[in-house]
N, C-alpha and C. Protein backbone atom coordinates (compact mmCIF):
# COMPACT_ATOMS: atom_id res chain seq x y z
N UNK A 1 -9.26 -17.88 -47.62
CA UNK A 1 -8.85 -18.67 -46.46
C UNK A 1 -7.45 -18.26 -46.00
N UNK A 2 -6.54 -18.04 -46.98
CA UNK A 2 -5.18 -17.64 -46.65
C UNK A 2 -5.18 -16.29 -45.96
N UNK A 3 -6.00 -15.36 -46.46
CA UNK A 3 -6.08 -14.03 -45.86
C UNK A 3 -6.60 -14.13 -44.43
N UNK A 4 -7.56 -15.03 -44.19
CA UNK A 4 -8.14 -15.22 -42.87
C UNK A 4 -7.09 -15.74 -41.89
N UNK A 5 -6.25 -16.70 -42.35
CA UNK A 5 -5.20 -17.24 -41.50
C UNK A 5 -4.19 -16.17 -41.13
N UNK A 6 -3.85 -15.33 -42.12
CA UNK A 6 -2.89 -14.25 -41.87
C UNK A 6 -3.46 -13.28 -40.84
N UNK A 7 -4.76 -12.99 -40.96
CA UNK A 7 -5.41 -12.07 -40.04
C UNK A 7 -5.41 -12.62 -38.61
N UNK A 8 -5.72 -13.93 -38.50
CA UNK A 8 -5.73 -14.58 -37.18
C UNK A 8 -4.33 -14.57 -36.58
N UNK A 9 -3.32 -14.89 -37.39
CA UNK A 9 -1.94 -14.93 -36.93
C UNK A 9 -1.49 -13.54 -36.47
N UNK A 10 -1.87 -12.51 -37.23
CA UNK A 10 -1.51 -11.14 -36.89
C UNK A 10 -2.14 -10.72 -35.57
N UNK A 11 -3.42 -11.06 -35.38
CA UNK A 11 -4.11 -10.73 -34.14
C UNK A 11 -3.47 -11.44 -32.95
N UNK A 12 -3.03 -12.68 -33.18
CA UNK A 12 -2.38 -13.45 -32.11
C UNK A 12 -1.08 -12.78 -31.70
N UNK A 13 -0.29 -12.37 -32.68
CA UNK A 13 0.99 -11.71 -32.41
C UNK A 13 0.76 -10.41 -31.65
N UNK A 14 -0.22 -9.63 -32.11
CA UNK A 14 -0.50 -8.35 -31.45
C UNK A 14 -0.97 -8.56 -30.02
N UNK A 15 -1.84 -9.54 -29.83
CA UNK A 15 -2.36 -9.81 -28.49
C UNK A 15 -1.26 -10.31 -27.57
N UNK A 16 -0.45 -11.24 -28.09
CA UNK A 16 0.63 -11.80 -27.28
C UNK A 16 1.65 -10.72 -26.94
N UNK A 17 1.96 -9.89 -27.92
CA UNK A 17 2.90 -8.80 -27.70
C UNK A 17 2.37 -7.81 -26.68
N UNK A 18 1.07 -7.52 -26.77
CA UNK A 18 0.45 -6.59 -25.83
C UNK A 18 0.45 -7.15 -24.42
N UNK A 19 0.23 -8.47 -24.29
CA UNK A 19 0.24 -9.12 -22.98
C UNK A 19 1.62 -9.07 -22.35
N UNK A 20 2.64 -9.36 -23.17
CA UNK A 20 4.01 -9.28 -22.66
C UNK A 20 4.36 -7.87 -22.23
N UNK A 21 3.88 -6.89 -22.99
CA UNK A 21 4.14 -5.49 -22.65
C UNK A 21 3.49 -5.14 -21.32
N UNK A 22 2.26 -5.65 -21.11
CA UNK A 22 1.56 -5.39 -19.85
C UNK A 22 2.30 -6.01 -18.68
N UNK A 23 2.76 -7.26 -18.86
CA UNK A 23 3.50 -7.93 -17.79
C UNK A 23 4.79 -7.19 -17.47
N UNK A 24 5.46 -6.72 -18.50
CA UNK A 24 6.70 -5.97 -18.30
C UNK A 24 6.42 -4.68 -17.54
N UNK A 25 5.27 -4.08 -17.86
CA UNK A 25 4.92 -2.81 -17.23
C UNK A 25 4.59 -2.99 -15.76
N UNK A 26 3.75 -3.99 -15.43
CA UNK A 26 3.35 -4.17 -14.04
C UNK A 26 4.47 -4.77 -13.19
N UNK A 27 5.52 -5.28 -13.83
CA UNK A 27 6.66 -5.77 -13.06
C UNK A 27 7.31 -4.62 -12.30
N UNK A 28 7.15 -3.40 -12.80
CA UNK A 28 7.67 -2.23 -12.10
C UNK A 28 6.97 -2.05 -10.75
N UNK A 29 5.70 -2.44 -10.68
CA UNK A 29 4.96 -2.35 -9.43
C UNK A 29 5.60 -3.26 -8.38
N UNK A 30 5.97 -4.47 -8.80
CA UNK A 30 6.64 -5.40 -7.89
C UNK A 30 8.00 -4.87 -7.47
N UNK A 31 8.73 -4.30 -8.42
CA UNK A 31 10.06 -3.77 -8.12
C UNK A 31 10.01 -2.71 -7.04
N UNK A 32 8.98 -1.88 -7.08
CA UNK A 32 8.84 -0.81 -6.08
C UNK A 32 8.60 -1.41 -4.70
N UNK A 33 7.74 -2.43 -4.62
CA UNK A 33 7.46 -3.08 -3.34
C UNK A 33 8.73 -3.74 -2.79
N UNK A 34 9.44 -4.46 -3.64
CA UNK A 34 10.68 -5.13 -3.23
C UNK A 34 11.71 -4.11 -2.73
N UNK A 35 11.88 -3.04 -3.50
CA UNK A 35 12.87 -2.02 -3.15
C UNK A 35 12.53 -1.37 -1.81
N UNK A 36 11.26 -1.08 -1.59
CA UNK A 36 10.83 -0.43 -0.35
C UNK A 36 11.05 -1.35 0.85
N UNK A 37 10.66 -2.61 0.72
CA UNK A 37 10.84 -3.57 1.81
C UNK A 37 12.32 -3.75 2.13
N UNK A 38 13.15 -3.89 1.10
CA UNK A 38 14.59 -4.06 1.29
C UNK A 38 15.20 -2.88 2.04
N UNK A 39 14.79 -1.68 1.67
CA UNK A 39 15.34 -0.48 2.31
C UNK A 39 14.95 -0.39 3.78
N UNK A 40 13.70 -0.71 4.08
CA UNK A 40 13.26 -0.65 5.47
C UNK A 40 13.95 -1.73 6.29
N UNK A 41 14.07 -2.94 5.73
CA UNK A 41 14.78 -4.02 6.43
C UNK A 41 16.23 -3.63 6.70
N UNK A 42 16.87 -2.99 5.74
CA UNK A 42 18.26 -2.57 5.91
C UNK A 42 18.40 -1.58 7.05
N UNK A 43 17.45 -0.66 7.14
CA UNK A 43 17.49 0.36 8.20
C UNK A 43 17.25 -0.24 9.58
N UNK A 44 16.28 -1.13 9.70
CA UNK A 44 15.95 -1.64 11.04
C UNK A 44 16.93 -2.72 11.50
N UNK A 45 17.71 -3.28 10.58
CA UNK A 45 18.69 -4.30 10.97
C UNK A 45 19.93 -3.69 11.60
N UNK A 46 20.03 -2.37 11.54
CA UNK A 46 21.17 -1.67 12.14
C UNK A 46 21.06 -1.72 13.66
N UNK A 47 22.19 -1.83 14.34
CA UNK A 47 22.21 -1.79 15.80
C UNK A 47 22.28 -0.34 16.27
N UNK A 48 21.30 0.04 17.10
CA UNK A 48 21.25 1.42 17.59
C UNK A 48 21.65 1.46 19.06
N UNK A 49 22.17 2.60 19.48
CA UNK A 49 22.71 2.74 20.83
C UNK A 49 21.64 2.68 21.90
N UNK A 50 20.42 3.07 21.56
CA UNK A 50 19.35 3.10 22.56
C UNK A 50 18.00 2.87 21.90
N UNK A 51 16.98 2.66 22.73
CA UNK A 51 15.61 2.48 22.24
C UNK A 51 15.12 3.76 21.57
N UNK A 52 15.50 4.90 22.13
CA UNK A 52 15.08 6.18 21.54
C UNK A 52 15.70 6.37 20.16
N UNK A 53 16.96 5.98 20.01
CA UNK A 53 17.64 6.09 18.72
C UNK A 53 16.99 5.17 17.69
N UNK A 54 16.64 3.97 18.13
CA UNK A 54 15.95 3.02 17.25
C UNK A 54 14.61 3.60 16.80
N UNK A 55 13.84 4.13 17.76
CA UNK A 55 12.51 4.67 17.45
C UNK A 55 12.62 5.83 16.45
N UNK A 56 13.56 6.73 16.70
CA UNK A 56 13.74 7.89 15.83
C UNK A 56 14.11 7.46 14.42
N UNK A 57 15.05 6.53 14.31
CA UNK A 57 15.50 6.08 13.00
C UNK A 57 14.44 5.27 12.25
N UNK A 58 13.66 4.49 12.99
CA UNK A 58 12.58 3.72 12.35
C UNK A 58 11.53 4.68 11.80
N UNK A 59 11.16 5.69 12.59
CA UNK A 59 10.17 6.67 12.13
C UNK A 59 10.66 7.39 10.88
N UNK A 60 11.93 7.75 10.87
CA UNK A 60 12.50 8.43 9.70
C UNK A 60 12.54 7.50 8.50
N UNK A 61 12.89 6.25 8.74
CA UNK A 61 12.99 5.27 7.65
C UNK A 61 11.63 5.02 7.02
N UNK A 62 10.61 4.81 7.87
CA UNK A 62 9.26 4.54 7.37
C UNK A 62 8.77 5.70 6.53
N UNK A 63 8.93 6.91 7.03
CA UNK A 63 8.48 8.09 6.29
C UNK A 63 9.26 8.25 4.98
N UNK A 64 10.57 8.09 5.04
CA UNK A 64 11.42 8.31 3.87
C UNK A 64 11.12 7.32 2.75
N UNK A 65 10.89 6.06 3.12
CA UNK A 65 10.72 5.03 2.09
C UNK A 65 9.27 4.85 1.64
N UNK A 66 8.32 5.20 2.50
CA UNK A 66 6.92 5.01 2.12
C UNK A 66 6.30 6.23 1.43
N UNK A 67 6.80 7.40 1.77
CA UNK A 67 6.22 8.62 1.20
C UNK A 67 6.16 8.60 -0.33
N UNK A 68 7.22 8.15 -1.02
CA UNK A 68 7.17 8.16 -2.49
C UNK A 68 6.29 7.07 -3.10
N UNK A 69 5.90 6.06 -2.30
CA UNK A 69 5.23 4.90 -2.90
C UNK A 69 3.79 4.70 -2.42
N UNK A 70 3.28 5.61 -1.59
CA UNK A 70 1.90 5.52 -1.13
C UNK A 70 1.09 6.68 -1.70
N UNK A 71 -0.06 6.36 -2.25
CA UNK A 71 -0.95 7.38 -2.82
C UNK A 71 -2.02 7.71 -1.78
N UNK A 72 -1.73 8.70 -0.92
CA UNK A 72 -2.64 9.02 0.17
C UNK A 72 -3.92 9.68 -0.33
N UNK A 73 -3.84 10.35 -1.45
CA UNK A 73 -5.04 10.96 -2.01
C UNK A 73 -6.05 9.87 -2.39
N UNK A 74 -5.56 8.83 -3.02
CA UNK A 74 -6.44 7.73 -3.42
C UNK A 74 -6.89 6.92 -2.21
N UNK A 75 -5.99 6.74 -1.23
CA UNK A 75 -6.33 6.11 0.03
C UNK A 75 -7.53 6.83 0.66
N UNK A 76 -7.40 8.17 0.72
CA UNK A 76 -8.44 9.00 1.33
C UNK A 76 -9.76 8.85 0.60
N UNK A 77 -9.69 8.84 -0.72
CA UNK A 77 -10.91 8.72 -1.53
C UNK A 77 -11.60 7.39 -1.28
N UNK A 78 -10.82 6.32 -1.16
CA UNK A 78 -11.39 5.00 -0.90
C UNK A 78 -12.07 4.94 0.47
N UNK A 79 -11.44 5.54 1.47
CA UNK A 79 -11.97 5.47 2.82
C UNK A 79 -13.21 6.35 2.97
N UNK A 80 -13.15 7.55 2.42
CA UNK A 80 -14.29 8.47 2.56
C UNK A 80 -15.46 8.06 1.69
N UNK A 81 -15.18 7.37 0.59
CA UNK A 81 -16.23 6.86 -0.30
C UNK A 81 -17.21 7.96 -0.69
N UNK A 82 -18.48 7.81 -0.35
CA UNK A 82 -19.50 8.79 -0.76
C UNK A 82 -19.28 10.16 -0.14
N UNK A 83 -18.54 10.22 0.96
CA UNK A 83 -18.28 11.51 1.62
C UNK A 83 -17.22 12.32 0.88
N UNK A 84 -16.50 11.65 -0.02
CA UNK A 84 -15.42 12.31 -0.75
C UNK A 84 -15.94 13.47 -1.59
N UNK A 85 -17.03 13.25 -2.30
CA UNK A 85 -17.57 14.28 -3.19
C UNK A 85 -18.06 15.49 -2.41
N UNK A 86 -18.57 15.25 -1.23
CA UNK A 86 -19.10 16.35 -0.41
C UNK A 86 -18.00 17.12 0.31
N UNK A 87 -16.85 16.47 0.49
CA UNK A 87 -15.75 17.10 1.23
C UNK A 87 -15.08 18.19 0.41
N UNK A 88 -14.65 19.23 1.09
CA UNK A 88 -13.90 20.31 0.43
C UNK A 88 -12.47 19.85 0.19
N UNK A 89 -11.75 20.59 -0.61
CA UNK A 89 -10.34 20.26 -0.87
C UNK A 89 -9.56 20.30 0.43
N UNK A 90 -9.87 21.27 1.28
CA UNK A 90 -9.18 21.39 2.57
C UNK A 90 -9.45 20.17 3.45
N UNK A 91 -10.69 19.73 3.49
CA UNK A 91 -11.03 18.55 4.29
C UNK A 91 -10.33 17.30 3.78
N UNK A 92 -10.29 17.16 2.46
CA UNK A 92 -9.61 16.01 1.88
C UNK A 92 -8.13 16.02 2.24
N UNK A 93 -7.50 17.18 2.13
CA UNK A 93 -6.07 17.30 2.43
C UNK A 93 -5.80 17.04 3.91
N UNK A 94 -6.65 17.56 4.79
CA UNK A 94 -6.48 17.36 6.23
C UNK A 94 -6.62 15.88 6.58
N UNK A 95 -7.62 15.24 5.98
CA UNK A 95 -7.84 13.82 6.26
C UNK A 95 -6.66 13.00 5.74
N UNK A 96 -6.15 13.33 4.56
CA UNK A 96 -5.00 12.61 4.00
C UNK A 96 -3.76 12.78 4.89
N UNK A 97 -3.57 13.98 5.44
CA UNK A 97 -2.43 14.22 6.33
C UNK A 97 -2.55 13.39 7.61
N UNK A 98 -3.77 13.33 8.14
CA UNK A 98 -3.99 12.54 9.36
C UNK A 98 -3.77 11.06 9.07
N UNK A 99 -4.27 10.59 7.94
CA UNK A 99 -4.09 9.20 7.54
C UNK A 99 -2.61 8.87 7.40
N UNK A 100 -1.87 9.78 6.80
CA UNK A 100 -0.43 9.60 6.63
C UNK A 100 0.26 9.46 7.99
N UNK A 101 -0.04 10.38 8.90
CA UNK A 101 0.55 10.35 10.24
C UNK A 101 0.19 9.08 10.97
N UNK A 102 -1.08 8.68 10.88
CA UNK A 102 -1.56 7.47 11.55
C UNK A 102 -0.84 6.23 11.03
N UNK A 103 -0.71 6.10 9.73
CA UNK A 103 -0.04 4.94 9.13
C UNK A 103 1.43 4.87 9.53
N UNK A 104 2.12 6.00 9.41
CA UNK A 104 3.54 6.03 9.75
C UNK A 104 3.76 5.69 11.22
N UNK A 105 2.94 6.27 12.07
CA UNK A 105 3.10 6.05 13.51
C UNK A 105 2.79 4.61 13.89
N UNK A 106 1.71 4.08 13.35
CA UNK A 106 1.31 2.70 13.67
C UNK A 106 2.37 1.70 13.20
N UNK A 107 2.85 1.89 11.97
CA UNK A 107 3.86 0.98 11.43
C UNK A 107 5.18 1.11 12.17
N UNK A 108 5.58 2.32 12.48
CA UNK A 108 6.84 2.54 13.20
C UNK A 108 6.79 1.90 14.58
N UNK A 109 5.67 2.06 15.27
CA UNK A 109 5.51 1.48 16.60
C UNK A 109 5.59 -0.04 16.54
N UNK A 110 4.93 -0.62 15.53
CA UNK A 110 4.94 -2.08 15.38
C UNK A 110 6.35 -2.59 15.09
N UNK A 111 7.09 -1.87 14.27
CA UNK A 111 8.46 -2.29 13.93
C UNK A 111 9.36 -2.24 15.15
N UNK A 112 9.26 -1.16 15.93
CA UNK A 112 10.09 -1.01 17.13
C UNK A 112 9.77 -2.11 18.14
N UNK A 113 8.48 -2.36 18.36
CA UNK A 113 8.07 -3.35 19.36
C UNK A 113 8.38 -4.79 18.94
N UNK A 114 8.39 -5.04 17.64
CA UNK A 114 8.57 -6.43 17.17
C UNK A 114 9.77 -6.55 16.23
N UNK A 115 10.77 -5.75 16.46
CA UNK A 115 11.93 -5.72 15.55
C UNK A 115 12.55 -7.10 15.34
N UNK A 116 12.84 -7.80 16.40
CA UNK A 116 13.52 -9.09 16.27
C UNK A 116 12.66 -10.12 15.55
N UNK A 117 11.36 -10.09 15.82
CA UNK A 117 10.45 -11.02 15.14
C UNK A 117 10.40 -10.71 13.65
N UNK A 118 10.32 -9.42 13.32
CA UNK A 118 10.27 -9.00 11.92
C UNK A 118 11.54 -9.42 11.19
N UNK A 119 12.69 -9.20 11.84
CA UNK A 119 13.96 -9.57 11.22
C UNK A 119 14.09 -11.08 11.06
N UNK A 120 13.52 -11.84 12.00
CA UNK A 120 13.63 -13.29 11.94
C UNK A 120 12.87 -13.88 10.76
N UNK A 121 11.88 -13.10 10.25
CA UNK A 121 11.10 -13.59 9.11
C UNK A 121 11.59 -13.04 7.77
N UNK A 122 12.72 -12.35 7.80
CA UNK A 122 13.21 -11.74 6.57
C UNK A 122 13.44 -12.77 5.46
N UNK A 123 14.00 -13.92 5.83
CA UNK A 123 14.28 -14.95 4.83
C UNK A 123 13.03 -15.73 4.42
N UNK A 124 11.94 -15.54 5.16
CA UNK A 124 10.69 -16.26 4.87
C UNK A 124 9.70 -15.40 4.11
N UNK A 125 10.13 -14.22 3.70
CA UNK A 125 9.25 -13.27 3.01
C UNK A 125 9.47 -13.37 1.51
N UNK A 126 8.39 -13.54 0.79
CA UNK A 126 8.46 -13.68 -0.67
C UNK A 126 7.50 -12.69 -1.33
N UNK A 127 8.03 -11.93 -2.28
CA UNK A 127 7.19 -11.02 -3.05
C UNK A 127 6.85 -11.71 -4.37
N UNK A 128 5.58 -12.01 -4.56
CA UNK A 128 5.16 -12.75 -5.75
C UNK A 128 5.13 -11.86 -6.99
N UNK A 129 5.03 -12.51 -8.14
CA UNK A 129 4.91 -11.77 -9.38
C UNK A 129 3.58 -11.01 -9.38
N UNK A 130 3.55 -9.81 -9.92
CA UNK A 130 2.32 -9.00 -9.87
C UNK A 130 1.21 -9.57 -10.73
N UNK A 131 -0.02 -9.30 -10.33
CA UNK A 131 -1.19 -9.71 -11.10
C UNK A 131 -1.86 -8.47 -11.68
N UNK A 132 -2.31 -8.55 -12.93
CA UNK A 132 -2.98 -7.40 -13.53
C UNK A 132 -4.26 -7.06 -12.77
N UNK A 133 -4.56 -5.76 -12.67
CA UNK A 133 -5.80 -5.33 -12.05
C UNK A 133 -6.92 -5.28 -13.07
N UNK A 134 -8.00 -4.60 -12.70
CA UNK A 134 -9.16 -4.52 -13.60
C UNK A 134 -8.87 -3.66 -14.82
N UNK A 135 -7.96 -2.73 -14.69
CA UNK A 135 -7.57 -1.89 -15.82
C UNK A 135 -6.06 -1.93 -15.97
N UNK A 136 -5.56 -1.40 -17.07
CA UNK A 136 -4.13 -1.48 -17.36
C UNK A 136 -3.28 -0.66 -16.39
N UNK A 137 -3.90 0.30 -15.71
CA UNK A 137 -3.14 1.13 -14.79
C UNK A 137 -3.25 0.63 -13.34
N UNK A 138 -3.66 -0.64 -13.18
CA UNK A 138 -3.76 -1.22 -11.84
C UNK A 138 -3.07 -2.58 -11.79
N UNK A 139 -2.58 -2.92 -10.61
CA UNK A 139 -1.93 -4.22 -10.40
C UNK A 139 -2.02 -4.57 -8.93
N UNK A 140 -1.83 -5.85 -8.64
CA UNK A 140 -1.81 -6.33 -7.26
C UNK A 140 -0.49 -7.05 -7.03
N UNK A 141 0.23 -6.62 -6.00
CA UNK A 141 1.50 -7.26 -5.65
C UNK A 141 1.32 -7.92 -4.29
N UNK A 142 1.51 -9.23 -4.23
CA UNK A 142 1.32 -9.98 -2.99
C UNK A 142 2.65 -10.27 -2.31
N UNK A 143 2.65 -10.06 -1.00
CA UNK A 143 3.81 -10.40 -0.18
C UNK A 143 3.37 -11.52 0.76
N UNK A 144 4.07 -12.63 0.71
CA UNK A 144 3.71 -13.79 1.53
C UNK A 144 4.79 -14.01 2.58
N UNK A 145 4.36 -14.13 3.83
CA UNK A 145 5.27 -14.41 4.94
C UNK A 145 4.92 -15.78 5.50
N UNK A 146 5.90 -16.65 5.57
CA UNK A 146 5.69 -18.01 6.08
C UNK A 146 5.82 -17.99 7.60
N UNK A 147 4.67 -17.87 8.27
CA UNK A 147 4.64 -17.87 9.73
C UNK A 147 4.58 -19.32 10.21
N UNK A 148 5.60 -19.76 10.92
CA UNK A 148 5.71 -21.17 11.28
C UNK A 148 4.63 -21.62 12.26
N UNK A 149 4.08 -20.70 13.02
CA UNK A 149 3.06 -21.08 13.99
C UNK A 149 1.65 -20.86 13.47
N UNK A 150 1.47 -19.89 12.57
CA UNK A 150 0.13 -19.56 12.09
C UNK A 150 -0.06 -19.81 10.60
N UNK A 151 0.95 -20.35 9.96
CA UNK A 151 0.85 -20.58 8.52
C UNK A 151 1.23 -19.33 7.74
N UNK A 152 0.81 -19.27 6.50
CA UNK A 152 1.17 -18.15 5.64
C UNK A 152 0.33 -16.91 5.93
N UNK A 153 1.01 -15.78 5.95
CA UNK A 153 0.34 -14.49 6.09
C UNK A 153 0.52 -13.75 4.76
N UNK A 154 -0.56 -13.30 4.18
CA UNK A 154 -0.49 -12.65 2.87
C UNK A 154 -0.91 -11.19 2.96
N UNK A 155 -0.09 -10.33 2.38
CA UNK A 155 -0.40 -8.91 2.25
C UNK A 155 -0.49 -8.59 0.76
N UNK A 156 -1.61 -8.07 0.34
CA UNK A 156 -1.80 -7.67 -1.06
C UNK A 156 -1.75 -6.16 -1.16
N UNK A 157 -0.83 -5.67 -1.96
CA UNK A 157 -0.74 -4.23 -2.19
C UNK A 157 -1.46 -3.90 -3.49
N UNK A 158 -2.53 -3.12 -3.38
CA UNK A 158 -3.24 -2.66 -4.58
C UNK A 158 -2.50 -1.45 -5.12
N UNK A 159 -2.01 -1.58 -6.34
CA UNK A 159 -1.15 -0.57 -6.94
C UNK A 159 -1.85 0.13 -8.10
N UNK A 160 -1.56 1.40 -8.25
CA UNK A 160 -2.09 2.16 -9.37
C UNK A 160 -0.96 2.92 -10.05
N UNK A 161 -1.09 3.11 -11.34
CA UNK A 161 -0.05 3.82 -12.09
C UNK A 161 -0.54 5.20 -12.48
N UNK A 162 0.28 6.20 -12.22
CA UNK A 162 -0.05 7.57 -12.56
C UNK A 162 1.21 8.27 -13.03
N UNK A 163 1.12 8.89 -14.20
CA UNK A 163 2.28 9.56 -14.79
C UNK A 163 3.48 8.63 -14.90
N UNK A 164 3.20 7.36 -15.22
CA UNK A 164 4.28 6.40 -15.44
C UNK A 164 4.89 5.80 -14.19
N UNK A 165 4.34 6.14 -13.02
CA UNK A 165 4.91 5.62 -11.77
C UNK A 165 3.84 4.88 -10.97
N UNK A 166 4.24 3.75 -10.36
CA UNK A 166 3.33 2.95 -9.57
C UNK A 166 3.35 3.38 -8.11
N UNK A 167 2.19 3.34 -7.47
CA UNK A 167 2.10 3.62 -6.04
C UNK A 167 0.98 2.79 -5.44
N UNK A 168 1.04 2.53 -4.14
CA UNK A 168 0.04 1.71 -3.46
C UNK A 168 -1.08 2.59 -2.92
N UNK A 169 -2.32 2.13 -3.09
CA UNK A 169 -3.45 2.90 -2.59
C UNK A 169 -4.33 2.08 -1.65
N UNK A 170 -3.93 0.86 -1.34
CA UNK A 170 -4.64 0.06 -0.34
C UNK A 170 -3.78 -1.15 -0.01
N UNK A 171 -3.95 -1.65 1.21
CA UNK A 171 -3.26 -2.86 1.64
C UNK A 171 -4.30 -3.83 2.16
N UNK A 172 -4.24 -5.06 1.67
CA UNK A 172 -5.19 -6.09 2.10
C UNK A 172 -4.41 -7.14 2.89
N UNK A 173 -4.75 -7.28 4.16
CA UNK A 173 -4.06 -8.23 5.03
C UNK A 173 -5.00 -9.39 5.31
N UNK A 174 -4.62 -10.57 4.84
CA UNK A 174 -5.44 -11.77 5.02
C UNK A 174 -6.88 -11.51 4.57
N UNK A 175 -7.02 -10.93 3.37
CA UNK A 175 -8.31 -10.68 2.73
C UNK A 175 -9.11 -9.53 3.36
N UNK A 176 -8.50 -8.79 4.28
CA UNK A 176 -9.19 -7.64 4.88
C UNK A 176 -8.54 -6.35 4.36
N UNK A 177 -9.32 -5.54 3.67
CA UNK A 177 -8.83 -4.31 3.09
C UNK A 177 -8.73 -3.22 4.16
N UNK A 178 -7.56 -2.57 4.23
CA UNK A 178 -7.39 -1.46 5.18
C UNK A 178 -8.39 -0.36 4.88
N UNK A 179 -8.52 0.01 3.61
CA UNK A 179 -9.41 1.11 3.23
C UNK A 179 -10.86 0.80 3.54
N UNK A 180 -11.31 -0.38 3.15
CA UNK A 180 -12.71 -0.75 3.36
C UNK A 180 -13.01 -0.93 4.84
N UNK A 181 -12.06 -1.45 5.60
CA UNK A 181 -12.24 -1.63 7.03
C UNK A 181 -12.44 -0.28 7.72
N UNK A 182 -11.58 0.69 7.38
CA UNK A 182 -11.71 2.02 8.01
C UNK A 182 -12.90 2.79 7.46
N UNK A 183 -13.29 2.49 6.24
CA UNK A 183 -14.50 3.11 5.69
C UNK A 183 -15.70 2.71 6.54
N UNK A 184 -15.77 1.43 6.87
CA UNK A 184 -16.89 0.93 7.68
C UNK A 184 -16.88 1.54 9.07
N UNK A 185 -15.68 1.70 9.64
CA UNK A 185 -15.56 2.26 10.99
C UNK A 185 -15.97 3.73 11.02
N UNK A 186 -15.53 4.50 10.03
CA UNK A 186 -15.71 5.94 10.04
C UNK A 186 -17.03 6.41 9.42
N UNK A 187 -17.63 5.58 8.58
CA UNK A 187 -18.81 6.01 7.84
C UNK A 187 -19.94 6.50 8.75
N UNK A 188 -20.26 5.69 9.77
CA UNK A 188 -21.37 6.08 10.66
C UNK A 188 -21.01 7.31 11.47
N UNK A 189 -19.73 7.44 11.85
CA UNK A 189 -19.30 8.61 12.62
C UNK A 189 -19.41 9.88 11.79
N UNK A 190 -19.04 9.79 10.53
CA UNK A 190 -19.12 10.96 9.65
C UNK A 190 -20.58 11.34 9.44
N UNK A 191 -21.44 10.35 9.24
CA UNK A 191 -22.87 10.62 9.06
C UNK A 191 -23.46 11.29 10.30
N UNK A 192 -23.03 10.84 11.46
CA UNK A 192 -23.59 11.32 12.72
C UNK A 192 -23.05 12.68 13.13
N UNK A 193 -21.72 12.84 13.02
CA UNK A 193 -21.09 14.05 13.57
C UNK A 193 -20.47 14.98 12.54
N UNK A 194 -20.36 14.53 11.29
CA UNK A 194 -19.75 15.35 10.27
C UNK A 194 -18.26 15.09 10.13
N UNK A 195 -17.72 15.37 8.98
CA UNK A 195 -16.32 15.06 8.69
C UNK A 195 -15.36 15.89 9.55
N UNK A 196 -15.67 17.16 9.77
CA UNK A 196 -14.78 18.01 10.57
C UNK A 196 -14.62 17.47 11.98
N UNK A 197 -15.72 17.01 12.58
CA UNK A 197 -15.65 16.47 13.95
C UNK A 197 -14.82 15.19 13.99
N UNK A 198 -14.96 14.36 12.95
CA UNK A 198 -14.17 13.12 12.89
C UNK A 198 -12.69 13.45 12.73
N UNK A 199 -12.37 14.42 11.91
CA UNK A 199 -10.98 14.84 11.72
C UNK A 199 -10.40 15.36 13.03
N UNK A 200 -11.18 16.17 13.76
CA UNK A 200 -10.73 16.70 15.04
C UNK A 200 -10.48 15.58 16.05
N UNK A 201 -11.40 14.60 16.07
CA UNK A 201 -11.27 13.48 16.99
C UNK A 201 -10.04 12.64 16.66
N UNK A 202 -9.83 12.41 15.37
CA UNK A 202 -8.68 11.65 14.90
C UNK A 202 -7.39 12.38 15.29
N UNK A 203 -7.37 13.68 15.08
CA UNK A 203 -6.18 14.49 15.42
C UNK A 203 -5.90 14.45 16.89
N UNK A 204 -6.94 14.56 17.71
CA UNK A 204 -6.79 14.52 19.16
C UNK A 204 -6.21 13.19 19.62
N UNK A 205 -6.67 12.12 19.01
CA UNK A 205 -6.18 10.78 19.37
C UNK A 205 -4.69 10.65 19.05
N UNK A 206 -4.27 11.20 17.92
CA UNK A 206 -2.87 11.10 17.51
C UNK A 206 -1.95 11.94 18.39
N UNK A 207 -2.51 12.97 19.02
CA UNK A 207 -1.71 13.86 19.87
C UNK A 207 -1.53 13.31 21.28
N UNK A 208 -2.27 12.28 21.61
CA UNK A 208 -2.18 11.71 22.95
C UNK A 208 -0.90 10.92 23.15
């Protein structure tokens, strides 16, 4: 009986210690999100001489701060889904580059157009403690914005760890996944016209 109690106590210590280690590890995922948001807020809060200067600096800020923390390869894989295996390395890389350009441009445009609104919610933005994902190398970091007219707006960043570093591979806005949403939009087009045609169409749209 004594040996059994010792065994149970040992297992409890190991499990509790392992859980604390996991929480400490995924806290790095939250730190990355907080650091990135703070840096972008710092850049856009600067007063610029003109609209063009603001646009240029916002585009540079978004690219500089998001490039290290977004996993576009994994983003691409999620969006292409079953088409991923059939795609060549070149097609995957081209699609990832287009996705990168699209995200940066869309976010930069939104920041420029709604700068004052975004800044006004800076004090109402809370980054919650991370939640463990399905595996030890995954986590979810939620950002909650208290919108006074529409209630709370929640953004969930799905994070993955690779080579000891966390990066985001999907964003869920009010329970709608960016990756799954675009997968649904593009899936039928890829089936109908092929991946190359979709990439060309996407590229043409971005050049307009």
